[in-house]
C-alpha atoms as a PDB file:
ATOM      1  CA  MET A   1      42.746  15.877   2.529  1.00  0.00           C
ATOM      2  CA  ALA A   2      41.092  16.889   6.143  1.00  0.00           C
ATOM      3  CA  SER A   3      43.833  16.732   9.251  1.00  0.00           C
ATOM      4  CA  GLU A   4      42.786  14.265  12.415  1.00  0.00           C
ATOM      5  CA  ASP A   5      41.800  16.968  14.031  1.00  0.00           C
ATOM      6  CA  ASN A   6      39.481  18.104  11.408  1.00  0.00           C
ATOM      7  CA  LYS A   7      37.573  14.812  11.545  1.00  0.00           C
ATOM      8  CA  ARG A   8      33.948  14.396  13.300  1.00  0.00           C
ATOM      9  CA  THR A   9      32.257  10.948  14.496  1.00  0.00           C
ATOM     10  CA  LEU A  10      28.402  10.904  13.564  1.00  0.00           C
ATOM     11  CA  TYR A  11      25.980   8.344  15.415  1.00  0.00           C
ATOM     12  CA  ILE A  12      23.480   6.387  13.572  1.00  0.00           C
ATOM     13  CA  ALA A  13      20.072   5.435  15.690  1.00  0.00           C
ATOM     14  CA  ALA A  14      18.528   2.260  13.925  1.00  0.00           C
ATOM     15  CA  LEU A  15      14.783   2.739  15.441  1.00  0.00           C
ATOM     16  CA  PRO A  16      12.099  -0.193  14.957  1.00  0.00           C
ATOM     17  CA  THR A  17       8.795   1.159  13.422  1.00  0.00           C
ATOM     18  CA  THR A  18       7.730  -2.544  13.938  1.00  0.00           C
ATOM     19  CA  HIS A  19       7.223  -5.117  16.498  1.00  0.00           C
ATOM     20  CA  VAL A  20       9.705  -7.396  16.403  1.00  0.00           C
ATOM     21  CA  ASP A  21       7.661 -10.258  15.623  1.00  0.00           C
ATOM     22  CA  ASN A  22       6.915  -8.314  12.424  1.00  0.00           C
ATOM     23  CA  ARG A  23      10.399  -7.784  11.559  1.00  0.00           C
ATOM     24  CA  HIS A  24      12.352  -9.883   8.902  1.00  0.00           C
ATOM     25  CA  PRO A  25      13.948 -12.280  10.784  1.00  0.00           C
ATOM     26  CA  GLU A  26      17.994 -11.147   8.990  1.00  0.00           C
ATOM     27  CA  ASP A  27      16.793  -7.553  10.791  1.00  0.00           C
ATOM     28  CA  VAL A  28      15.757  -8.411  14.066  1.00  0.00           C
ATOM     29  CA  ASP A  29      19.299  -7.550  15.605  1.00  0.00           C
ATOM     30  CA  VAL A  30      19.564  -4.212  13.530  1.00  0.00           C
ATOM     31  CA  PRO A  31      17.998  -1.776  16.381  1.00  0.00           C
ATOM     32  CA  GLY A  32      20.605   0.073  17.805  1.00  0.00           C
ATOM     33  CA  ILE A  33      23.604   2.839  18.132  1.00  0.00           C
ATOM     34  CA  TYR A  34      26.085   2.802  15.513  1.00  0.00           C
ATOM     35  CA  SER A  35      29.390   5.036  15.014  1.00  0.00           C
ATOM     36  CA  VAL A  36      30.584   6.272  11.765  1.00  0.00           C
ATOM     37  CA  ASN A  37      34.274   7.699  11.771  1.00  0.00           C
ATOM     38  CA  GLU A  38      36.223   9.921   9.941  1.00  0.00           C
ATOM     39  CA  ILE A  39      33.778  11.923   8.536  1.00  0.00           C
ATOM     40  CA  ASP A  40      35.372  14.974   6.977  1.00  0.00           C
ATOM     41  CA  ALA A  41      34.270  18.093   9.402  1.00  0.00           C
ATOM     42  CA  ASP A  42      34.662  20.515   6.930  1.00  0.00           C
ATOM     43  CA  LEU A  43      31.068  19.501   5.439  1.00  0.00           C
ATOM     44  CA  SER A  44      28.159  20.558   5.871  1.00  0.00           C
ATOM     45  CA  ASP A  45      26.031  19.040   8.452  1.00  0.00           C
ATOM     46  CA  GLU A  46      23.815  17.691   5.435  1.00  0.00           C
ATOM     47  CA  ASP A  47      26.432  16.163   3.475  1.00  0.00           C
ATOM     48  CA  ALA A  48      28.119  14.600   6.975  1.00  0.00           C
ATOM     49  CA  ALA A  49      24.926  13.552   7.525  1.00  0.00           C
ATOM     50  CA  ASN A  50      24.130  12.237   4.068  1.00  0.00           C
ATOM     51  CA  VAL A  51      28.047   9.989   4.419  1.00  0.00           C
ATOM     52  CA  ALA A  52      26.911   8.617   7.659  1.00  0.00           C
ATOM     53  CA  LEU A  53      23.693   7.007   6.683  1.00  0.00           C
ATOM     54  CA  ALA A  54      25.742   5.962   3.468  1.00  0.00           C
ATOM     55  CA  SER A  55      28.204   4.457   5.313  1.00  0.00           C
ATOM     56  CA  PHE A  56      25.441   2.491   7.449  1.00  0.00           C
ATOM     57  CA  HIS A  57      23.322   1.003   4.735  1.00  0.00           C
ATOM     58  CA  ALA A  58      26.846  -0.092   2.842  1.00  0.00           C
ATOM     59  CA  HIS A  59      28.167  -1.792   5.857  1.00  0.00           C
ATOM     60  CA  GLN A  60      24.658  -3.078   7.593  1.00  0.00           C
ATOM     61  CA  GLY A  61      22.604  -5.754   5.270  1.00  0.00           C
ATOM     62  CA  MET A  62      18.762  -5.126   5.871  1.00  0.00           C
ATOM     63  CA  LYS A  63      16.213  -6.182   3.778  1.00  0.00           C
ATOM     64  CA  VAL A  64      13.074  -4.093   4.780  1.00  0.00           C
ATOM     65  CA  LEU A  65      14.058  -0.474   5.696  1.00  0.00           C
ATOM     66  CA  ASP A  66      10.337   0.364   6.336  1.00  0.00           C
ATOM     67  CA  ASP A  67      10.379  -1.345   9.543  1.00  0.00           C
ATOM     68  CA  TYR A  68      13.331   1.070  11.225  1.00  0.00           C
ATOM     69  CA  GLU A  69      13.391   4.932  11.338  1.00  0.00           C
ATOM     70  CA  PHE A  70      17.164   6.069  11.105  1.00  0.00           C
ATOM     71  CA  GLU A  71      18.259   8.977  12.896  1.00  0.00           C
ATOM     72  CA  VAL A  72      21.570  10.820  12.495  1.00  0.00           C
ATOM     73  CA  ILE A  73      23.106  12.185  15.399  1.00  0.00           C
ATOM     74  CA  ASP A  74      26.181  14.674  16.267  1.00  0.00           C
ATOM     75  CA  GLY A  75      27.078  13.365  19.586  1.00  0.00           C
ATOM     76  CA  LYS A  76      29.769  16.364  20.355  1.00  0.00           C
ATOM     77  CA  ALA A  77      27.079  18.966  19.429  1.00  0.00           C
ATOM     78  CA  GLY A  78      24.692  17.187  20.772  1.00  0.00           C
ATOM     79  CA  THR A  79      21.927  17.674  17.765  1.00  0.00           C
ATOM     80  CA  PHE A  80      20.104  15.138  14.971  1.00  0.00           C
ATOM     81  CA  LEU A  81      20.937  16.068  11.682  1.00  0.00           C
ATOM     82  CA  THR A  82      18.623  15.864   8.454  1.00  0.00           C
ATOM     83  CA  PRO A  83      20.134  14.492   5.573  1.00  0.00           C
ATOM     84  CA  SER A  84      19.587  15.810   1.815  1.00  0.00           C
ATOM     85  CA  PHE A  85      19.714  12.009   0.228  1.00  0.00           C
ATOM     86  CA  ALA A  86      22.645  13.125  -2.161  1.00  0.00           C
ATOM     87  CA  GLU A  87      23.335  10.564  -3.891  1.00  0.00           C
ATOM     88  CA  ASP A  88      27.708   9.628  -4.783  1.00  0.00           C
ATOM     89  CA  VAL A  89      29.423  10.238  -1.769  1.00  0.00           C
ATOM     90  CA  SER A  90      31.927   8.835   0.340  1.00  0.00           C
ATOM     91  CA  GLU A  91      31.426   5.810   2.374  1.00  0.00           C
ATOM     92  CA  HIS A  92      33.280   5.022   5.924  1.00  0.00           C
ATOM     93  CA  ASP A  93      33.185   2.180   8.462  1.00  0.00           C
ATOM     94  CA  CYS A  94      30.335   2.056  10.455  1.00  0.00           C
ATOM     95  CA  ILE A  95      29.940  -0.385  13.438  1.00  0.00           C
ATOM     96  CA  LYS A  96      27.408  -1.276  16.170  1.00  0.00           C
ATOM     97  CA  ILE A  97      28.393  -0.220  19.248  1.00  0.00           C
ATOM     98  CA  CYS A  98      25.679  -0.748  21.328  1.00  0.00           C
ATOM     99  CA  GLU A  99      22.148  -2.216  21.792  1.00  0.00           C
ATOM    100  CA  PHE A 100      19.564   0.752  23.079  1.00  0.00           C
ATOM    101  CA  ASP A 101      19.285  -1.441  26.393  1.00  0.00           C
ATOM    102  CA  ASP A 102      23.099  -1.277  27.134  1.00  0.00           C
ATOM    103  CA  LEU A 103      23.514   2.579  26.149  1.00  0.00           C
ATOM    104  CA  PRO A 104      26.210   4.063  28.833  1.00  0.00           C
ATOM    105  CA  GLU A 105      24.514   6.283  30.673  1.00  0.00           C
ATOM    106  CA  GLU A 106      27.002   9.071  29.384  1.00  0.00           C
ATOM    107  CA  LEU A 107      26.511   8.415  25.860  1.00  0.00           C
ATOM    108  CA  ARG A 108      22.470   7.824  26.254  1.00  0.00           C
ATOM    109  CA  SER A 109      22.026  11.611  27.999  1.00  0.00           C
ATOM    110  CA  GLN A 110      24.028  12.690  25.271  1.00  0.00           C
ATOM    111  CA  LEU A 111      22.623  11.534  22.448  1.00  0.00           C
ATOM    112  CA  PHE A 112      19.317  11.246  23.483  1.00  0.00           C
ATOM    113  CA  PRO A 113      18.792  14.261  26.310  1.00  0.00           C
ATOM    114  CA  ASN A 114      15.046  13.517  26.147  1.00  0.00           C
ATOM    115  CA  GLY A 115      15.249   9.885  26.456  1.00  0.00           C
ATOM    116  CA  ILE A 116      14.990   7.414  24.173  1.00  0.00           C
ATOM    117  CA  PRO A 117      12.179   7.061  21.517  1.00  0.00           C
ATOM    118  CA  ALA A 118       9.630   4.989  22.705  1.00  0.00           C
ATOM    119  CA  GLY A 119       9.875   1.606  20.500  1.00  0.00           C
ATOM    120  CA  ALA A 120      13.311   1.392  20.459  1.00  0.00           C
ATOM    121  CA  LEU A 121      13.801  -0.493  24.053  1.00  0.00           C
ATOM    122  CA  GLN A 122      10.977  -3.377  23.072  1.00  0.00           C
ATOM    123  CA  ALA A 123      12.526  -6.407  22.387  1.00  0.00           C
END
């Protein structure tokens, strides 16, 4: 088991690709930033991204995944991670930390130095 110092936190940005009026009613509150903690820092970026996405999907009941794009972000490194979509990965707690409109400036500039993607702030 990895030590406390050997853990990392990744963020999931759930970005809507359709207008709110076209989304499933149970999915309208999905857009935002989610935190997945306690991921083993010894995992490759690809494997860590797999764990983050598996954790998100295990904890967020969604009806229509195609209405969203999901970005995995290493906030500490300031990089976007690309998952391999491997199966049989561990899962961790995944909590929504804020809506895009409520994203604290420090976290906003850390996660999105070039600005939040278009459409994320739409109602």
